[in-house]
Amino acid sequence: MASGQTLGFIGCGYMGGAVLQGLLNSAFSTKSAETTPKPILHFIACTKTAKSAARLQTTIAPEHKELIKIVSDRTVQTMQESHIIILSCKPFMAEAVF
């Protein structure tokens, strides 16, 4: 991967997907003329199931697809490849995720 940090989402279902979309839309808007380097240049979205990963893939705007790697059932890999982790699952599910 190129320079810059990677932000990983563990549990990127509806809630995590919405947060990811918000970050992408605000920080990587095609309408922005800002030239300041972004500290986070890559994203990994880890879902529990392949079905959730496929659904998430359809919601990502074409201009953002090159920034994101979407995986399913790869929690440890996502943590190893990310500089920052966002745990976006329901609190009662957190223990099972780890």
Protein backbone atom coordinates (compact mmCIF):
# COMPACT_ATOMS: atom_id res chain seq x y z
CA MET A 1 0.00 0.00 0.00
CA ALA A 2 1.06 3.58 -0.57
CA SER A 3 2.03 5.98 2.19
CA GLY A 4 -0.58 7.07 4.70
CA GLN A 5 -2.41 5.19 7.37
CA THR A 6 -5.02 2.48 7.02
CA LEU A 7 -8.29 2.63 8.93
CA GLY A 8 -9.90 -0.75 9.57
CA PHE A 9 -13.57 -1.32 10.35
CA ILE A 10 -14.37 -4.52 12.25
CA GLY A 11 -18.06 -5.27 11.83
CA CYS A 12 -18.83 -3.11 8.83
CA GLY A 13 -22.54 -3.83 8.56
CA TYR A 14 -25.21 -1.14 8.41
CA MET A 15 -23.79 0.98 11.25
CA GLY A 16 -20.13 0.67 10.27
CA GLY A 17 -20.98 1.09 6.61
CA ALA A 18 -22.76 4.37 7.35
CA VAL A 19 -19.75 5.68 9.29
CA LEU A 20 -17.42 4.60 6.48
CA GLN A 21 -19.61 6.31 3.86
CA GLY A 22 -19.67 9.50 5.92
CA LEU A 23 -15.88 9.56 6.22
CA LEU A 24 -15.40 8.94 2.53
CA ASN A 25 -17.96 11.52 1.47
CA SER A 26 -16.54 14.24 3.73
CA ALA A 27 -12.80 13.57 3.39
CA PHE A 28 -12.64 12.43 -0.23
CA SER A 29 -15.28 14.57 -1.89
CA THR A 30 -14.68 15.04 -5.61
CA LYS A 31 -15.97 18.60 -5.20
CA SER A 32 -13.23 19.55 -2.74
CA ALA A 33 -10.28 21.52 -4.11
CA GLU A 34 -8.29 20.94 -0.92
CA THR A 35 -4.74 19.73 -1.55
CA THR A 36 -3.76 18.96 2.05
CA PRO A 37 -2.48 15.38 2.32
CA LYS A 38 -4.91 13.04 4.06
CA PRO A 39 -3.54 11.13 7.07
CA ILE A 40 -5.72 8.12 6.18
CA LEU A 41 -5.47 6.95 2.60
CA HIS A 42 -6.72 3.37 2.81
CA PHE A 43 -9.67 1.62 4.40
CA ILE A 44 -10.39 -2.02 5.18
CA ALA A 45 -14.00 -2.98 5.83
CA CYS A 46 -14.39 -6.38 7.49
CA THR A 47 -17.87 -7.86 7.56
CA LYS A 48 -19.02 -11.03 9.28
CA THR A 49 -20.42 -12.67 6.15
CA ALA A 50 -19.75 -12.68 2.42
CA LYS A 51 -23.34 -11.54 1.89
CA SER A 52 -22.71 -8.41 3.98
CA ALA A 53 -19.48 -7.76 2.08
CA ALA A 54 -21.32 -8.00 -1.25
CA ARG A 55 -24.03 -5.63 0.00
CA LEU A 56 -21.42 -3.13 1.22
CA GLN A 57 -19.60 -3.30 -2.12
CA THR A 58 -22.76 -2.11 -3.90
CA THR A 59 -23.04 0.95 -1.64
CA ILE A 60 -19.53 2.31 -2.21
CA ALA A 61 -19.34 5.19 -4.67
CA PRO A 62 -17.22 4.40 -7.76
CA GLU A 63 -14.75 7.18 -6.95
CA HIS A 64 -14.06 5.61 -3.53
CA LYS A 65 -13.67 1.95 -4.55
CA GLU A 66 -9.90 2.22 -5.02
CA LEU A 67 -9.50 3.36 -1.40
CA ILE A 68 -11.29 0.39 0.18
CA LYS A 69 -10.60 -3.29 0.57
CA ILE A 70 -13.73 -5.19 1.61
CA VAL A 71 -13.28 -8.59 3.26
CA SER A 72 -15.47 -10.98 5.22
CA ASP A 73 -14.55 -13.06 8.26
CA ARG A 74 -10.98 -11.67 8.35
CA THR A 75 -10.91 -9.91 11.73
CA VAL A 76 -7.30 -10.74 12.62
CA GLN A 77 -6.02 -9.87 9.14
CA THR A 78 -7.87 -6.54 9.25
CA MET A 79 -6.33 -5.71 12.63
CA GLN A 80 -2.84 -6.64 11.43
CA GLU A 81 -3.09 -4.51 8.29
CA SER A 82 -4.64 -1.43 9.94
CA HIS A 83 -3.04 1.41 11.87
CA ILE A 84 -6.38 2.40 13.41
CA ILE A 85 -9.33 0.12 14.19
CA ILE A 86 -12.99 1.07 14.56
CA LEU A 87 -15.03 -1.63 16.26
CA SER A 88 -18.50 -1.09 14.83
CA CYS A 89 -20.56 -3.91 16.20
CA LYS A 90 -23.20 -4.04 18.89
CA PRO A 91 -21.67 -4.08 22.40
CA PHE A 92 -22.96 -7.55 23.22
CA MET A 93 -21.13 -8.90 20.14
CA ALA A 94 -17.71 -7.41 20.98
CA GLU A 95 -16.41 -10.40 22.94
CA ALA A 96 -17.25 -12.81 20.12
CA VAL A 97 -15.48 -10.55 17.62
CA PHE A 98 -12.23 -10.81 19.56
